[in-house]
Amino acid sequence: MAVSVQPHNMILDMNMIDACVGDRARWAYPYQEMLAAGVPLILSSDAPVCDPSPWVGIHAAVTRQRRDGTPAGGWYRQHHISVESALRGYTTAPAAFYNRSSDLGSVSLGKFADLVVLDRDIFDVDPMAIAETTVLMTLFNGRVVFRHASMD
């Protein structure tokens, strides 16, 4: 069993949830508790409702804030997850759930060479900057299929 969640929906929904259920909102989007219970999280975007960027989703899951920094400290911050856990939710967790870990989900010998080159190390920046991450290059099955203009 795994749970598919859309962290950016949380950012869109937090005011509505607070208005509808009051302090029971503290139980909404409990990512940390799900992981602690051993439930794998598969993260996605719910596009076109939300921004399809995984960096926006990782930012939301890690900070529990809008890109403008609200709410201060994060919405029910105790439910936030680490950058590593959020990245796993977009990569290795879905591969494992769909029994594709032998060829997808991580960069390893024998797996498809599907990867992106980023303009920053999302593990080494202020989490508020993660949403601004830019893909510089995309490789699909070992072939460059996208190259940012700055890479020319």
C-alpha atoms as a PDB file:
ATOM      1  CA  MET A   1       0.000   0.000   0.000  1.00  0.00           C
ATOM      2  CA  ALA A   2       1.105   3.549  -0.716  1.00  0.00           C
ATOM      3  CA  VAL A   3      -0.595   6.936  -0.625  1.00  0.00           C
ATOM      4  CA  SER A   4      -0.509   9.328  -3.569  1.00  0.00           C
ATOM      5  CA  VAL A   5      -0.535  12.935  -2.385  1.00  0.00           C
ATOM      6  CA  GLN A   6      -0.222  16.318  -4.023  1.00  0.00           C
ATOM      7  CA  PRO A   7       1.701  18.724  -1.760  1.00  0.00           C
ATOM      8  CA  HIS A   8       0.865  21.788  -3.824  1.00  0.00           C
ATOM      9  CA  ASN A   9      -2.850  21.132  -3.241  1.00  0.00           C
ATOM     10  CA  MET A  10      -2.148  21.659   0.467  1.00  0.00           C
ATOM     11  CA  ILE A  11      -0.938  25.181  -0.305  1.00  0.00           C
ATOM     12  CA  LEU A  12      -4.108  25.885  -2.271  1.00  0.00           C
ATOM     13  CA  ASP A  13      -6.402  24.224   0.285  1.00  0.00           C
ATOM     14  CA  MET A  14      -5.085  25.397   3.675  1.00  0.00           C
ATOM     15  CA  ASN A  15      -7.349  28.447   4.055  1.00  0.00           C
ATOM     16  CA  MET A  16     -10.431  26.477   2.980  1.00  0.00           C
ATOM     17  CA  ILE A  17      -9.577  23.613   5.333  1.00  0.00           C
ATOM     18  CA  ASP A  18      -9.068  26.004   8.244  1.00  0.00           C
ATOM     19  CA  ALA A  19     -12.399  27.721   7.476  1.00  0.00           C
ATOM     20  CA  CYS A  20     -14.321  24.447   7.128  1.00  0.00           C
ATOM     21  CA  VAL A  21     -12.974  22.348   9.993  1.00  0.00           C
ATOM     22  CA  GLY A  22     -11.205  24.771  12.326  1.00  0.00           C
ATOM     23  CA  ASP A  23      -8.548  23.243  14.556  1.00  0.00           C
ATOM     24  CA  ARG A  24      -9.195  19.768  13.123  1.00  0.00           C
ATOM     25  CA  ALA A  25      -7.189  21.036  10.156  1.00  0.00           C
ATOM     26  CA  ARG A  26      -4.127  19.973  12.145  1.00  0.00           C
ATOM     27  CA  TRP A  27      -4.816  16.441  10.819  1.00  0.00           C
ATOM     28  CA  ALA A  28      -4.791  17.437   7.145  1.00  0.00           C
ATOM     29  CA  TYR A  29      -1.884  16.411   4.929  1.00  0.00           C
ATOM     30  CA  PRO A  30      -0.014  14.586   7.749  1.00  0.00           C
ATOM     31  CA  TYR A  31       2.987  13.587   5.633  1.00  0.00           C
ATOM     32  CA  GLN A  32       5.431  13.032   8.490  1.00  0.00           C
ATOM     33  CA  GLU A  33       2.996  10.821  10.380  1.00  0.00           C
ATOM     34  CA  MET A  34       2.320   8.721   7.277  1.00  0.00           C
ATOM     35  CA  LEU A  35       6.032   8.139   6.753  1.00  0.00           C
ATOM     36  CA  ALA A  36       6.532   7.364  10.444  1.00  0.00           C
ATOM     37  CA  ALA A  37       3.777   4.745  10.166  1.00  0.00           C
ATOM     38  CA  GLY A  38       5.626   3.139   7.254  1.00  0.00           C
ATOM     39  CA  VAL A  39       3.237   4.328   4.553  1.00  0.00           C
ATOM     40  CA  PRO A  40       5.153   5.164   1.359  1.00  0.00           C
ATOM     41  CA  LEU A  41       4.279   8.566  -0.067  1.00  0.00           C
ATOM     42  CA  ILE A  42       4.027   8.949  -3.823  1.00  0.00           C
ATOM     43  CA  LEU A  43       4.104  12.648  -4.621  1.00  0.00           C
ATOM     44  CA  SER A  44       2.555  14.204  -7.706  1.00  0.00           C
ATOM     45  CA  SER A  45       1.195  17.526  -8.909  1.00  0.00           C
ATOM     46  CA  ASP A  46      -2.507  17.128  -9.765  1.00  0.00           C
ATOM     47  CA  ALA A  47      -1.846  19.184 -12.920  1.00  0.00           C
ATOM     48  CA  PRO A  48      -3.495  21.128 -14.435  1.00  0.00           C
ATOM     49  CA  VAL A  49      -5.066  22.111 -11.100  1.00  0.00           C
ATOM     50  CA  CYS A  50      -1.616  22.725  -9.630  1.00  0.00           C
ATOM     51  CA  ASP A  51       1.774  23.664 -10.969  1.00  0.00           C
ATOM     52  CA  PRO A  52       3.230  20.452 -12.437  1.00  0.00           C
ATOM     53  CA  SER A  53       6.747  21.248 -11.219  1.00  0.00           C
ATOM     54  CA  PRO A  54       8.064  18.684  -8.720  1.00  0.00           C
ATOM     55  CA  TRP A  55      10.175  21.475  -7.221  1.00  0.00           C
ATOM     56  CA  VAL A  56       6.993  23.343  -6.236  1.00  0.00           C
ATOM     57  CA  GLY A  57       5.684  20.126  -4.652  1.00  0.00           C
ATOM     58  CA  ILE A  58       8.936  19.459  -2.799  1.00  0.00           C
ATOM     59  CA  HIS A  59       8.952  23.052  -1.534  1.00  0.00           C
ATOM     60  CA  ALA A  60       5.361  22.666  -0.273  1.00  0.00           C
ATOM     61  CA  ALA A  61       6.009  19.310   1.450  1.00  0.00           C
ATOM     62  CA  VAL A  62       9.199  20.548   3.112  1.00  0.00           C
ATOM     63  CA  THR A  63       8.119  24.050   4.179  1.00  0.00           C
ATOM     64  CA  ARG A  64       4.317  23.755   4.323  1.00  0.00           C
ATOM     65  CA  GLN A  65       4.326  27.375   3.157  1.00  0.00           C
ATOM     66  CA  ARG A  66       3.303  29.298   0.084  1.00  0.00           C
ATOM     67  CA  ARG A  67       6.112  30.640  -2.031  1.00  0.00           C
ATOM     68  CA  ASP A  68       5.656  34.049  -0.361  1.00  0.00           C
ATOM     69  CA  GLY A  69       6.571  32.473   3.010  1.00  0.00           C
ATOM     70  CA  THR A  70       3.060  32.338   4.444  1.00  0.00           C
ATOM     71  CA  PRO A  71       1.976  31.116   6.823  1.00  0.00           C
ATOM     72  CA  ALA A  72       4.985  32.001   8.939  1.00  0.00           C
ATOM     73  CA  GLY A  73       6.663  28.863  10.250  1.00  0.00           C
ATOM     74  CA  GLY A  74       4.564  26.605   8.025  1.00  0.00           C
ATOM     75  CA  TRP A  75       1.009  25.300   8.212  1.00  0.00           C
ATOM     76  CA  TYR A  76       0.982  22.655  10.975  1.00  0.00           C
ATOM     77  CA  ARG A  77       4.741  22.425  10.620  1.00  0.00           C
ATOM     78  CA  GLN A  78       4.916  19.145  12.553  1.00  0.00           C
ATOM     79  CA  HIS A  79       3.690  17.416   9.396  1.00  0.00           C
ATOM     80  CA  HIS A  80       6.553  18.583   7.153  1.00  0.00           C
ATOM     81  CA  ILE A  81       8.966  16.107   5.599  1.00  0.00           C
ATOM     82  CA  SER A  82      12.631  16.325   4.661  1.00  0.00           C
ATOM     83  CA  VAL A  83      13.919  17.159   1.196  1.00  0.00           C
ATOM     84  CA  GLU A  84      15.186  13.587   0.959  1.00  0.00           C
ATOM     85  CA  SER A  85      11.753  12.145   1.789  1.00  0.00           C
ATOM     86  CA  ALA A  86      10.042  14.474  -0.688  1.00  0.00           C
ATOM     87  CA  LEU A  87      12.477  13.601  -3.468  1.00  0.00           C
ATOM     88  CA  ARG A  88      11.977   9.914  -2.693  1.00  0.00           C
ATOM     89  CA  GLY A  89       8.232  10.532  -3.141  1.00  0.00           C
ATOM     90  CA  TYR A  90       8.832  11.582  -6.733  1.00  0.00           C
ATOM     91  CA  THR A  91      11.432   8.926  -7.583  1.00  0.00           C
ATOM     92  CA  THR A  92      12.085   5.701  -5.700  1.00  0.00           C
ATOM     93  CA  ALA A  93       8.700   5.383  -3.959  1.00  0.00           C
ATOM     94  CA  PRO A  94       6.648   5.275  -7.186  1.00  0.00           C
ATOM     95  CA  ALA A  95       9.190   2.947  -8.811  1.00  0.00           C
ATOM     96  CA  ALA A  96       8.939   0.563  -5.848  1.00  0.00           C
ATOM     97  CA  PHE A  97       5.140   0.701  -5.712  1.00  0.00           C
ATOM     98  CA  TYR A  98       4.854  -0.184  -9.399  1.00  0.00           C
ATOM     99  CA  ASN A  99       7.516  -2.915  -9.098  1.00  0.00           C
ATOM    100  CA  ARG A 100       9.897  -0.991 -11.359  1.00  0.00           C
ATOM    101  CA  SER A 101      12.800  -0.469  -8.937  1.00  0.00           C
ATOM    102  CA  SER A 102      15.009  -2.662 -11.107  1.00  0.00           C
ATOM    103  CA  ASP A 103      14.924  -0.143 -13.956  1.00  0.00           C
ATOM    104  CA  LEU A 104      13.461   3.155 -12.664  1.00  0.00           C
ATOM    105  CA  GLY A 105      13.541   5.504  -9.679  1.00  0.00           C
ATOM    106  CA  SER A 106      17.250   6.071  -9.133  1.00  0.00           C
ATOM    107  CA  VAL A 107      20.472   6.528 -11.023  1.00  0.00           C
ATOM    108  CA  SER A 108      22.125   3.116 -10.894  1.00  0.00           C
ATOM    109  CA  LEU A 109      23.947   0.752 -13.209  1.00  0.00           C
ATOM    110  CA  GLY A 110      21.483  -1.134 -15.402  1.00  0.00           C
ATOM    111  CA  LYS A 111      18.613   1.342 -14.987  1.00  0.00           C
ATOM    112  CA  PHE A 112      17.204   3.665 -17.605  1.00  0.00           C
ATOM    113  CA  ALA A 113      19.227   6.862 -17.743  1.00  0.00           C
ATOM    114  CA  ASP A 114      16.259   9.177 -17.130  1.00  0.00           C
ATOM    115  CA  LEU A 115      17.482  12.167 -15.147  1.00  0.00           C
ATOM    116  CA  VAL A 116      17.633  15.923 -14.897  1.00  0.00           C
ATOM    117  CA  VAL A 117      20.501  18.326 -14.277  1.00  0.00           C
ATOM    118  CA  LEU A 118      19.472  21.204 -12.026  1.00  0.00           C
ATOM    119  CA  ASP A 119      20.720  24.727 -11.483  1.00  0.00           C
ATOM    120  CA  ARG A 120      21.099  24.117  -7.732  1.00  0.00           C
ATOM    121  CA  ASP A 121      21.568  21.406  -5.147  1.00  0.00           C
ATOM    122  CA  ILE A 122      18.120  21.216  -3.526  1.00  0.00           C
ATOM    123  CA  PHE A 123      19.710  19.593  -0.462  1.00  0.00           C
ATOM    124  CA  ASP A 124      21.991  22.586   0.056  1.00  0.00           C
ATOM    125  CA  VAL A 125      19.744  25.629  -0.444  1.00  0.00           C
ATOM    126  CA  ASP A 126      17.235  27.382   1.750  1.00  0.00           C
ATOM    127  CA  PRO A 127      14.059  25.276   1.348  1.00  0.00           C
ATOM    128  CA  MET A 128      12.207  28.428   0.278  1.00  0.00           C
ATOM    129  CA  ALA A 129      14.425  28.476  -2.856  1.00  0.00           C
ATOM    130  CA  ILE A 130      13.559  24.926  -3.951  1.00  0.00           C
ATOM    131  CA  ALA A 131      10.453  26.039  -5.854  1.00  0.00           C
ATOM    132  CA  GLU A 132      12.656  28.288  -8.028  1.00  0.00           C
ATOM    133  CA  THR A 133      14.784  25.365  -9.239  1.00  0.00           C
ATOM    134  CA  THR A 134      15.393  25.288 -12.973  1.00  0.00           C
ATOM    135  CA  VAL A 135      16.048  22.184 -15.045  1.00  0.00           C
ATOM    136  CA  LEU A 136      19.152  22.738 -17.157  1.00  0.00           C
ATOM    137  CA  MET A 137      19.129  19.414 -18.981  1.00  0.00           C
ATOM    138  CA  THR A 138      16.892  16.367 -19.263  1.00  0.00           C
ATOM    139  CA  LEU A 139      18.106  12.941 -20.294  1.00  0.00           C
ATOM    140  CA  PHE A 140      15.626  10.278 -21.308  1.00  0.00           C
ATOM    141  CA  ASN A 141      16.912   6.758 -21.792  1.00  0.00           C
ATOM    142  CA  GLY A 142      20.422   8.167 -21.880  1.00  0.00           C
ATOM    143  CA  ARG A 143      19.725  10.759 -24.585  1.00  0.00           C
ATOM    144  CA  VAL A 144      19.606  14.514 -24.083  1.00  0.00           C
ATOM    145  CA  VAL A 145      16.033  15.559 -24.881  1.00  0.00           C
ATOM    146  CA  PHE A 146      16.144  19.049 -23.377  1.00  0.00           C
ATOM    147  CA  ARG A 147      18.927  21.555 -22.915  1.00  0.00           C
ATOM    148  CA  HIS A 148      18.299  24.949 -21.291  1.00  0.00           C
ATOM    149  CA  ALA A 149      19.473  27.929 -23.349  1.00  0.00           C
ATOM    150  CA  SER A 150      22.077  28.674 -20.674  1.00  0.00           C
ATOM    151  CA  MET A 151      23.740  25.313 -21.454  1.00  0.00           C
ATOM    152  CA  ASP A 152      24.511  26.238 -25.102  1.00  0.00           C
END
